[in-house]
Protein backbone atom coordinates (compact mmCIF):
# COMPACT_ATOMS: atom_id res chain seq x y z
CA MET A 1 151.37 -32.90 135.24
CA GLN A 2 153.21 -35.54 132.97
CA PRO A 3 150.22 -37.78 131.37
CA ARG A 4 151.01 -40.69 133.56
CA ARG A 5 149.66 -38.86 136.24
CA LYS A 6 146.64 -37.99 135.39
CA VAL A 7 145.46 -40.75 134.09
CA ILE A 8 146.08 -42.63 138.06
CA ARG A 9 144.51 -39.25 139.32
CA HIS A 10 141.14 -40.23 136.64
CA LEU A 11 141.31 -43.83 137.72
CA LYS A 12 141.44 -42.98 141.07
CA ALA A 13 138.50 -40.70 141.26
CA GLN A 14 136.28 -42.77 138.46
CA GLU A 15 137.47 -45.73 141.52
CA LYS A 16 135.76 -42.91 144.14
CA LEU A 17 132.54 -42.35 141.98
CA LEU A 18 131.97 -46.20 141.65
CA ASP A 19 132.48 -46.59 145.16
CA ARG A 20 129.99 -44.02 146.28
CA LEU A 21 127.71 -45.24 143.53
CA ARG A 22 127.42 -48.82 145.76
CA VAL A 23 127.65 -47.49 148.98
CA MET A 24 124.36 -45.18 148.12
CA ARG A 25 122.81 -47.64 146.33
CA ALA A 26 123.28 -50.18 149.50
CA LYS A 27 122.12 -47.01 151.74
CA TYR A 28 118.93 -47.58 150.68
CA GLY A 29 118.23 -50.88 150.48
CA LEU A 30 118.29 -51.40 146.28
CA THR A 31 118.78 -53.97 144.14
CA GLN A 32 121.43 -52.82 140.65
CA ALA A 33 118.43 -54.00 138.81
CA HIS A 34 116.14 -51.61 140.75
CA VAL A 35 119.16 -48.54 139.92
CA ALA A 36 119.30 -49.72 136.44
CA LYS A 37 115.37 -50.56 135.78
CA VAL A 38 113.50 -46.90 137.83
CA GLY A 39 116.95 -44.49 137.71
CA LEU A 40 118.66 -45.47 134.40
CA ASN A 41 116.43 -47.32 131.66
CA ILE A 42 119.09 -49.49 131.17
CA SER A 43 119.57 -53.50 132.13
CA ARG A 44 120.70 -54.31 135.12
CA ALA A 45 123.72 -56.03 133.12
CA GLN A 46 124.81 -52.47 131.99
CA TYR A 47 124.48 -51.21 134.86
CA THR A 48 126.70 -54.13 136.52
CA ALA A 49 129.29 -52.67 134.17
CA LEU A 50 128.56 -49.09 134.51
CA GLU A 51 129.17 -49.79 138.12
CA ASN A 52 132.12 -51.77 137.91
CA GLY A 53 134.29 -49.80 135.81
CA ARG A 54 133.80 -52.17 132.52
CA SER A 55 131.65 -48.87 130.77
CA MET A 56 132.24 -45.82 130.77
CA MET A 57 129.74 -43.91 132.21
CA SER A 58 127.69 -41.25 130.62
CA PHE A 59 127.09 -37.67 131.70
CA ASP A 60 123.62 -38.58 131.29
CA HIS A 61 123.77 -41.33 133.64
CA LEU A 62 125.46 -39.41 136.28
CA VAL A 63 122.43 -36.90 135.79
CA SER A 64 119.81 -39.48 135.65
CA LEU A 65 121.49 -41.44 138.86
CA SER A 66 121.62 -37.80 140.75
CA LEU A 67 117.99 -37.43 139.72
CA PHE A 68 117.60 -40.93 141.29
CA TYR A 69 119.28 -40.40 144.64
CA ARG A 70 118.01 -36.72 145.07
CA CYS A 71 120.95 -34.64 145.57
CA SER A 72 123.21 -33.04 143.31
CA LEU A 73 125.88 -34.02 140.85
CA SER A 74 128.31 -32.43 143.10
CA ASP A 75 127.38 -34.42 145.60
CA LEU A 76 127.10 -37.81 143.51
CA LEU A 77 130.55 -36.54 141.72
CA TYR A 78 133.37 -35.18 145.01
CA GLY A 79 131.58 -37.12 147.56
CA VAL A 80 129.19 -34.94 150.00
CA VAL A 81 126.42 -37.94 150.27
């Protein structure tokens, strides 16, 4: 596979993850501020940047979000939510 296709595939996977995070937050009726403070212990602005793809999400963020939403990392990453 050519490098350009890998980048496109990666961007699509990232966008799907970010969409899942928005859907989960809405499903539970939570605000970005609540998820940021309780789930990740970061500012709302930092969480907004993560959810909108302006900041890179670390593995620690993913683990914290899976614990916060009580789902597996696999569910969070691959959409079985």
